[in-house]
Each structure stands twice: as C-alpha cells, then as structure tokens.
C-alpha cells in the first residue's frame, strides 16, 4: 500500500490449502491464470481452453501446470520491470474496468478475479474494435461462462461512475484512460481510449 519495493526470498504456493477454498475464490484466482495466458502464451491459452472445463474438478496436475506457467509468465514481466514503469503494466489486462467494478460493488461483494474477468472481456471487445484483434470472443465467452464467471457489468452500476473510477487507474496519465489491449493473444499493448469511445463501447457491452 505504501509503495515500497522489497523482493521476497521465496514465494510458497500451498496446493493443499487451495483445496480448502470455496469455489468462488478458486474462480477468482483462476481468472489471473487465464489473464497470464492471454498476454503471453497462445499455446497455454489453448491448453487451458481444452483441458479446464470445470473448476470444481481441477486435478492436482492441472492446477500445478497452470500455476507454474502463470508464475513463469508473471516473473517474465516483473523481472523486466520491477518498479512498474513499462511492460509490467501488461499484467493489468482486465484490471482497468475490473478494479472499477470491484470498487463500485463494494470490496468483498464481488471478488477481484470475477471483476477482472468482466474487464478482460471488455478489453477483448475494445481490442477487436480498435486494433482489429482476430480472436473468437464468443468462444471465449462461452468457455468462461461454463467455468461459472459473470460476463456482464452488474446492472445496478452507473457507467459514468465506472468511468470516473477508471480515471483514477494507475495506468492513467492526467485524465487519459489507458487500457491494456491485445494486438493478438500474446501481444499486449497500452492504448489510450477516449471517454466518448469508452462510453459507447460500455453501452453496447
């Protein structure tokens, strides 16, 4: 929270502990695994889509493979950009809108990963509209719905309030809202999106 940087000696993943989590928390964490695949590894994305069809019945091998691949991808970005001045921002795919939803819903009422998944779907839509991304968004949407994710912005939220929250995003410069988008799976970029376009795309999302 303070913003100091201290690198850990080690990070431990306790897979036995993960088994004790409710499915909502598994779903929340797994959204980040999917994000890692989208920003860095098309083959990993295809593997996930083929092999992970039910988060309630993830095998230990599937969970281990998913986490190891995700850890390697995150390390790849963080080790290049420890203080988040460049490529580390790509780890925020889906987070611009996702954080806004999480905040507007009230922390604890909507998990981080579930909000980020909606943000990723929106970022994919923006990527198609603004960058010509060739990606089967409907296929992706059907897959994540099968995994139990919400795919639409909660209807009680005001679009104007969400945009106001997005202005406060750490990637924003001044009041310019910037999104992590995809040229292709594995090819992320930072793109400024005007509020007029943002509002238009949110209304049709």
C-alpha atoms as a PDB file:
ATOM      1  CA  UNK A   1       0.000   0.000   0.000  1.00  0.00           C
ATOM      2  CA  UNK A   2       2.883   2.355   0.791  1.00  0.00           C
ATOM      3  CA  UNK A   3       4.677   1.558  -2.451  1.00  0.00           C
ATOM      4  CA  UNK A   4       7.998   0.315  -1.079  1.00  0.00           C
ATOM      5  CA  UNK A   5       9.727  -2.428  -3.093  1.00  0.00           C
ATOM      6  CA  UNK A   6      11.216  -5.367  -1.209  1.00  0.00           C
ATOM      7  CA  UNK A   7      11.786  -8.597  -3.091  1.00  0.00           C
ATOM      8  CA  UNK A   8      10.929 -11.808  -1.213  1.00  0.00           C
ATOM      9  CA  UNK A   9      13.437 -14.582  -0.705  1.00  0.00           C
ATOM     10  CA  UNK A  10      10.818 -17.082  -1.850  1.00  0.00           C
ATOM     11  CA  UNK A  11       7.123 -17.436  -2.606  1.00  0.00           C
ATOM     12  CA  UNK A  12       5.265 -20.551  -1.452  1.00  0.00           C
ATOM     13  CA  UNK A  13       2.151 -21.972  -3.117  1.00  0.00           C
ATOM     14  CA  UNK A  14       0.368 -24.430  -0.822  1.00  0.00           C
ATOM     15  CA  UNK A  15      -1.790 -26.545  -3.121  1.00  0.00           C
ATOM     16  CA  UNK A  16      -3.316 -28.388  -0.157  1.00  0.00           C
ATOM     17  CA  UNK A  17      -4.555 -25.051   1.194  1.00  0.00           C
ATOM     18  CA  UNK A  18      -6.020 -24.155  -2.197  1.00  0.00           C
ATOM     19  CA  UNK A  19      -8.216 -27.259  -1.976  1.00  0.00           C
ATOM     20  CA  UNK A  20      -9.901 -25.781   1.108  1.00  0.00           C
ATOM     21  CA  UNK A  21     -11.038 -22.594  -0.661  1.00  0.00           C
ATOM     22  CA  UNK A  22     -14.657 -22.065  -1.750  1.00  0.00           C
ATOM     23  CA  UNK A  23     -15.232 -22.289  -5.498  1.00  0.00           C
ATOM     24  CA  UNK A  24     -15.749 -18.520  -5.742  1.00  0.00           C
ATOM     25  CA  UNK A  25     -12.178 -17.949  -4.549  1.00  0.00           C
ATOM     26  CA  UNK A  26     -10.804 -20.628  -6.894  1.00  0.00           C
ATOM     27  CA  UNK A  27     -12.637 -18.874  -9.726  1.00  0.00           C
ATOM     28  CA  UNK A  28     -11.237 -15.518  -8.638  1.00  0.00           C
ATOM     29  CA  UNK A  29      -7.651 -16.786  -8.672  1.00  0.00           C
ATOM     30  CA  UNK A  30      -8.043 -18.697 -11.909  1.00  0.00           C
ATOM     31  CA  UNK A  31      -9.027 -15.520 -13.756  1.00  0.00           C
ATOM     32  CA  UNK A  32      -5.436 -14.380 -13.261  1.00  0.00           C
ATOM     33  CA  UNK A  33      -4.154 -17.646 -14.769  1.00  0.00           C
ATOM     34  CA  UNK A  34      -6.306 -17.029 -17.849  1.00  0.00           C
ATOM     35  CA  UNK A  35      -5.005 -13.457 -17.996  1.00  0.00           C
ATOM     36  CA  UNK A  36      -1.395 -14.675 -17.988  1.00  0.00           C
ATOM     37  CA  UNK A  37      -2.135 -16.938 -20.952  1.00  0.00           C
ATOM     38  CA  UNK A  38      -3.808 -14.150 -22.925  1.00  0.00           C
ATOM     39  CA  UNK A  39      -0.957 -11.659 -22.517  1.00  0.00           C
ATOM     40  CA  UNK A  40       1.933 -14.038 -23.082  1.00  0.00           C
ATOM     41  CA  UNK A  41       1.279 -17.526 -24.413  1.00  0.00           C
ATOM     42  CA  UNK A  42      -1.253 -18.561 -27.102  1.00  0.00           C
ATOM     43  CA  UNK A  43      -0.358 -22.254 -26.620  1.00  0.00           C
ATOM     44  CA  UNK A  44      -1.019 -22.014 -22.872  1.00  0.00           C
ATOM     45  CA  UNK A  45      -4.376 -20.355 -23.642  1.00  0.00           C
ATOM     46  CA  UNK A  46      -5.367 -23.190 -25.993  1.00  0.00           C
ATOM     47  CA  UNK A  47      -4.243 -25.762 -23.413  1.00  0.00           C
ATOM     48  CA  UNK A  48      -6.411 -24.113 -20.737  1.00  0.00           C
ATOM     49  CA  UNK A  49      -9.436 -23.944 -23.018  1.00  0.00           C
ATOM     50  CA  UNK A  50      -9.162 -27.622 -23.953  1.00  0.00           C
ATOM     51  CA  UNK A  51      -8.227 -29.035 -20.546  1.00  0.00           C
ATOM     52  CA  UNK A  52     -10.003 -26.859 -17.988  1.00  0.00           C
ATOM     53  CA  UNK A  53     -13.742 -27.304 -18.343  1.00  0.00           C
ATOM     54  CA  UNK A  54     -14.828 -27.427 -14.690  1.00  0.00           C
ATOM     55  CA  UNK A  55     -13.091 -25.579 -11.859  1.00  0.00           C
ATOM     56  CA  UNK A  56     -14.749 -27.904  -9.333  1.00  0.00           C
ATOM     57  CA  UNK A  57     -12.823 -30.867 -10.686  1.00  0.00           C
ATOM     58  CA  UNK A  58      -9.365 -29.451 -11.396  1.00  0.00           C
ATOM     59  CA  UNK A  59      -6.801 -32.215 -10.971  1.00  0.00           C
ATOM     60  CA  UNK A  60      -3.639 -31.613  -8.975  1.00  0.00           C
ATOM     61  CA  UNK A  61      -1.639 -31.932 -12.206  1.00  0.00           C
ATOM     62  CA  UNK A  62      -3.803 -29.338 -13.997  1.00  0.00           C
ATOM     63  CA  UNK A  63      -3.583 -26.946 -11.065  1.00  0.00           C
ATOM     64  CA  UNK A  64       0.188 -27.399 -10.781  1.00  0.00           C
ATOM     65  CA  UNK A  65       0.772 -26.915 -14.515  1.00  0.00           C
ATOM     66  CA  UNK A  66      -1.476 -23.837 -14.591  1.00  0.00           C
ATOM     67  CA  UNK A  67       0.201 -22.195 -11.605  1.00  0.00           C
ATOM     68  CA  UNK A  68       3.758 -22.938 -12.746  1.00  0.00           C
ATOM     69  CA  UNK A  69       3.083 -21.495 -16.201  1.00  0.00           C
ATOM     70  CA  UNK A  70       1.365 -18.446 -14.679  1.00  0.00           C
ATOM     71  CA  UNK A  71       4.229 -17.863 -12.217  1.00  0.00           C
ATOM     72  CA  UNK A  72       6.793 -18.023 -15.030  1.00  0.00           C
ATOM     73  CA  UNK A  73       4.830 -15.519 -17.114  1.00  0.00           C
ATOM     74  CA  UNK A  74       4.398 -13.098 -14.213  1.00  0.00           C
ATOM     75  CA  UNK A  75       8.104 -13.392 -13.384  1.00  0.00           C
ATOM     76  CA  UNK A  76       8.963 -12.647 -17.006  1.00  0.00           C
ATOM     77  CA  UNK A  77       7.191  -9.276 -16.807  1.00  0.00           C
ATOM     78  CA  UNK A  78       8.115  -8.346 -13.240  1.00  0.00           C
ATOM     79  CA  UNK A  79      11.823  -9.146 -13.658  1.00  0.00           C
ATOM     80  CA  UNK A  80      11.972  -6.817 -16.677  1.00  0.00           C
ATOM     81  CA  UNK A  81      10.162  -4.001 -14.885  1.00  0.00           C
ATOM     82  CA  UNK A  82      10.472  -4.179 -11.106  1.00  0.00           C
ATOM     83  CA  UNK A  83       9.059  -0.708 -10.454  1.00  0.00           C
ATOM     84  CA  UNK A  84       6.198  -0.862 -12.949  1.00  0.00           C
ATOM     85  CA  UNK A  85       7.296   1.810 -15.384  1.00  0.00           C
ATOM     86  CA  UNK A  86       6.803  -0.202 -18.576  1.00  0.00           C
ATOM     87  CA  UNK A  87       5.912  -3.757 -19.593  1.00  0.00           C
ATOM     88  CA  UNK A  88       4.746  -4.775 -16.120  1.00  0.00           C
ATOM     89  CA  UNK A  89       1.576  -2.809 -16.868  1.00  0.00           C
ATOM     90  CA  UNK A  90       0.586  -5.629 -19.237  1.00  0.00           C
ATOM     91  CA  UNK A  91      -0.190  -7.726 -16.147  1.00  0.00           C
ATOM     92  CA  UNK A  92      -3.157  -5.394 -15.708  1.00  0.00           C
ATOM     93  CA  UNK A  93      -5.179  -6.766 -18.621  1.00  0.00           C
ATOM     94  CA  UNK A  94      -8.807  -6.525 -17.486  1.00  0.00           C
ATOM     95  CA  UNK A  95      -7.951  -4.552 -14.371  1.00  0.00           C
ATOM     96  CA  UNK A  96      -8.933  -1.056 -15.562  1.00  0.00           C
ATOM     97  CA  UNK A  97     -12.623  -1.883 -15.691  1.00  0.00           C
ATOM     98  CA  UNK A  98     -12.242  -4.750 -13.218  1.00  0.00           C
ATOM     99  CA  UNK A  99     -10.979  -2.533 -10.384  1.00  0.00           C
ATOM    100  CA  UNK A 100     -13.752  -0.021 -11.100  1.00  0.00           C
ATOM    101  CA  UNK A 101     -16.416  -2.754 -10.833  1.00  0.00           C
ATOM    102  CA  UNK A 102     -14.831  -4.159  -7.679  1.00  0.00           C
ATOM    103  CA  UNK A 103     -14.757  -0.716  -6.088  1.00  0.00           C
ATOM    104  CA  UNK A 104     -18.287   0.286  -7.117  1.00  0.00           C
ATOM    105  CA  UNK A 105     -19.727  -3.038  -5.922  1.00  0.00           C
ATOM    106  CA  UNK A 106     -18.026  -2.566  -2.549  1.00  0.00           C
ATOM    107  CA  UNK A 107     -14.981  -4.610  -1.650  1.00  0.00           C
ATOM    108  CA  UNK A 108     -15.985  -8.082  -0.530  1.00  0.00           C
ATOM    109  CA  UNK A 109     -19.221  -8.122  -2.526  1.00  0.00           C
ATOM    110  CA  UNK A 110     -17.579  -9.144  -5.795  1.00  0.00           C
ATOM    111  CA  UNK A 111     -14.283 -10.987  -5.947  1.00  0.00           C
ATOM    112  CA  UNK A 112     -11.270  -9.419  -7.621  1.00  0.00           C
ATOM    113  CA  UNK A 113     -10.876 -12.149 -10.228  1.00  0.00           C
ATOM    114  CA  UNK A 114     -14.550 -12.176 -11.183  1.00  0.00           C
ATOM    115  CA  UNK A 115     -14.461  -8.402 -11.718  1.00  0.00           C
ATOM    116  CA  UNK A 116     -11.222  -8.730 -13.713  1.00  0.00           C
ATOM    117  CA  UNK A 117     -12.819 -11.379 -15.947  1.00  0.00           C
ATOM    118  CA  UNK A 118     -15.544  -8.902 -16.954  1.00  0.00           C
ATOM    119  CA  UNK A 119     -12.766  -6.368 -17.520  1.00  0.00           C
ATOM    120  CA  UNK A 120     -10.892  -8.836 -19.733  1.00  0.00           C
ATOM    121  CA  UNK A 121     -13.988  -9.490 -21.831  1.00  0.00           C
ATOM    122  CA  UNK A 122     -14.398  -5.747 -22.286  1.00  0.00           C
ATOM    123  CA  UNK A 123     -10.705  -5.329 -23.145  1.00  0.00           C
ATOM    124  CA  UNK A 124     -11.034  -8.072 -25.781  1.00  0.00           C
ATOM    125  CA  UNK A 125     -14.026  -6.250 -27.261  1.00  0.00           C
ATOM    126  CA  UNK A 126     -12.051  -2.984 -27.335  1.00  0.00           C
ATOM    127  CA  UNK A 127      -9.112  -4.821 -28.888  1.00  0.00           C
ATOM    128  CA  UNK A 128     -11.319  -6.082 -31.681  1.00  0.00           C
ATOM    129  CA  UNK A 129     -12.905  -2.671 -32.292  1.00  0.00           C
ATOM    130  CA  UNK A 130      -9.763  -0.526 -32.001  1.00  0.00           C
ATOM    131  CA  UNK A 131      -6.929  -2.842 -33.038  1.00  0.00           C
ATOM    132  CA  UNK A 132      -8.622  -5.411 -35.269  1.00  0.00           C
ATOM    133  CA  UNK A 133      -7.875  -8.303 -32.899  1.00  0.00           C
ATOM    134  CA  UNK A 134      -8.722 -11.593 -34.586  1.00  0.00           C
ATOM    135  CA  UNK A 135      -9.975 -13.689 -31.699  1.00  0.00           C
ATOM    136  CA  UNK A 136     -13.018 -15.903 -31.126  1.00  0.00           C
ATOM    137  CA  UNK A 137     -14.569 -13.731 -28.391  1.00  0.00           C
ATOM    138  CA  UNK A 138     -17.867 -15.667 -28.427  1.00  0.00           C
ATOM    139  CA  UNK A 139     -15.966 -18.926 -27.970  1.00  0.00           C
ATOM    140  CA  UNK A 140     -14.014 -17.409 -25.072  1.00  0.00           C
ATOM    141  CA  UNK A 141     -17.216 -16.036 -23.523  1.00  0.00           C
ATOM    142  CA  UNK A 142     -18.941 -19.425 -23.717  1.00  0.00           C
ATOM    143  CA  UNK A 143     -15.916 -21.085 -22.093  1.00  0.00           C
ATOM    144  CA  UNK A 144     -15.690 -18.706 -19.130  1.00  0.00           C
ATOM    145  CA  UNK A 145     -19.472 -18.867 -18.629  1.00  0.00           C
ATOM    146  CA  UNK A 146     -19.091 -22.656 -18.367  1.00  0.00           C
ATOM    147  CA  UNK A 147     -16.461 -22.062 -15.672  1.00  0.00           C
ATOM    148  CA  UNK A 148     -19.021 -20.001 -13.730  1.00  0.00           C
ATOM    149  CA  UNK A 149     -17.902 -16.436 -14.444  1.00  0.00           C
ATOM    150  CA  UNK A 150     -20.238 -13.474 -14.775  1.00  0.00           C
ATOM    151  CA  UNK A 151     -19.788 -11.911 -18.212  1.00  0.00           C
ATOM    152  CA  UNK A 152     -21.688  -8.622 -17.919  1.00  0.00           C
ATOM    153  CA  UNK A 153     -21.332  -5.493 -15.818  1.00  0.00           C
ATOM    154  CA  UNK A 154     -23.711  -5.662 -12.819  1.00  0.00           C
ATOM    155  CA  UNK A 155     -26.795  -3.752 -13.954  1.00  0.00           C
ATOM    156  CA  UNK A 156     -27.027  -1.614 -10.825  1.00  0.00           C
ATOM    157  CA  UNK A 157     -23.721   0.117 -11.611  1.00  0.00           C
ATOM    158  CA  UNK A 158     -23.626   3.528 -13.301  1.00  0.00           C
ATOM    159  CA  UNK A 159     -21.418   3.729 -16.393  1.00  0.00           C
ATOM    160  CA  UNK A 160     -20.485   7.319 -15.514  1.00  0.00           C
ATOM    161  CA  UNK A 161     -19.331   6.194 -12.059  1.00  0.00           C
ATOM    162  CA  UNK A 162     -17.277   3.389 -13.587  1.00  0.00           C
ATOM    163  CA  UNK A 163     -15.594   5.838 -15.980  1.00  0.00           C
ATOM    164  CA  UNK A 164     -14.872   8.172 -13.064  1.00  0.00           C
ATOM    165  CA  UNK A 165     -13.202   5.286 -11.208  1.00  0.00           C
ATOM    166  CA  UNK A 166     -11.211   4.333 -14.309  1.00  0.00           C
ATOM    167  CA  UNK A 167      -9.777   7.852 -14.477  1.00  0.00           C
ATOM    168  CA  UNK A 168      -8.100   7.046 -11.158  1.00  0.00           C
ATOM    169  CA  UNK A 169      -6.442   3.894 -12.512  1.00  0.00           C
ATOM    170  CA  UNK A 170      -2.663   3.785 -12.033  1.00  0.00           C
ATOM    171  CA  UNK A 171      -2.125   3.454 -15.797  1.00  0.00           C
ATOM    172  CA  UNK A 172      -3.974   6.715 -16.463  1.00  0.00           C
ATOM    173  CA  UNK A 173      -1.958   9.816 -17.265  1.00  0.00           C
ATOM    174  CA  UNK A 174      -3.712  13.008 -16.252  1.00  0.00           C
ATOM    175  CA  UNK A 175      -7.303  12.104 -17.058  1.00  0.00           C
ATOM    176  CA  UNK A 176      -6.471   9.952 -20.076  1.00  0.00           C
ATOM    177  CA  UNK A 177      -7.732   6.422 -19.503  1.00  0.00           C
ATOM    178  CA  UNK A 178      -5.360   3.749 -20.776  1.00  0.00           C
ATOM    179  CA  UNK A 179      -6.199   0.095 -21.275  1.00  0.00           C
ATOM    180  CA  UNK A 180      -4.072  -2.973 -21.758  1.00  0.00           C
ATOM    181  CA  UNK A 181      -5.333  -4.378 -25.075  1.00  0.00           C
ATOM    182  CA  UNK A 182      -4.212  -7.212 -27.338  1.00  0.00           C
ATOM    183  CA  UNK A 183      -2.944  -6.958 -30.893  1.00  0.00           C
ATOM    184  CA  UNK A 184      -3.050 -10.755 -30.795  1.00  0.00           C
ATOM    185  CA  UNK A 185      -3.018 -13.293 -27.981  1.00  0.00           C
ATOM    186  CA  UNK A 186       0.471 -12.956 -26.513  1.00  0.00           C
ATOM    187  CA  UNK A 187       0.949  -9.440 -27.931  1.00  0.00           C
ATOM    188  CA  UNK A 188      -0.334  -6.888 -25.387  1.00  0.00           C
ATOM    189  CA  UNK A 189      -0.095  -3.113 -25.722  1.00  0.00           C
ATOM    190  CA  UNK A 190      -1.150   0.017 -23.848  1.00  0.00           C
ATOM    191  CA  UNK A 191      -3.808   2.070 -25.604  1.00  0.00           C
ATOM    192  CA  UNK A 192      -5.406   5.352 -24.660  1.00  0.00           C
ATOM    193  CA  UNK A 193      -9.195   5.235 -25.082  1.00  0.00           C
ATOM    194  CA  UNK A 194     -11.267   8.405 -25.213  1.00  0.00           C
ATOM    195  CA  UNK A 195     -14.205   8.679 -22.833  1.00  0.00           C
ATOM    196  CA  UNK A 196     -16.594   9.051 -25.771  1.00  0.00           C
ATOM    197  CA  UNK A 197     -15.470   5.722 -27.239  1.00  0.00           C
ATOM    198  CA  UNK A 198     -15.410   4.172 -23.793  1.00  0.00           C
ATOM    199  CA  UNK A 199     -18.994   5.173 -23.044  1.00  0.00           C
ATOM    200  CA  UNK A 200     -20.161   3.977 -26.466  1.00  0.00           C
ATOM    201  CA  UNK A 201     -18.487   0.575 -26.033  1.00  0.00           C
ATOM    202  CA  UNK A 202     -19.702   0.179 -22.463  1.00  0.00           C
ATOM    203  CA  UNK A 203     -23.294   0.822 -23.567  1.00  0.00           C
ATOM    204  CA  UNK A 204     -23.062  -1.927 -26.178  1.00  0.00           C
ATOM    205  CA  UNK A 205     -21.095  -4.365 -23.991  1.00  0.00           C
END
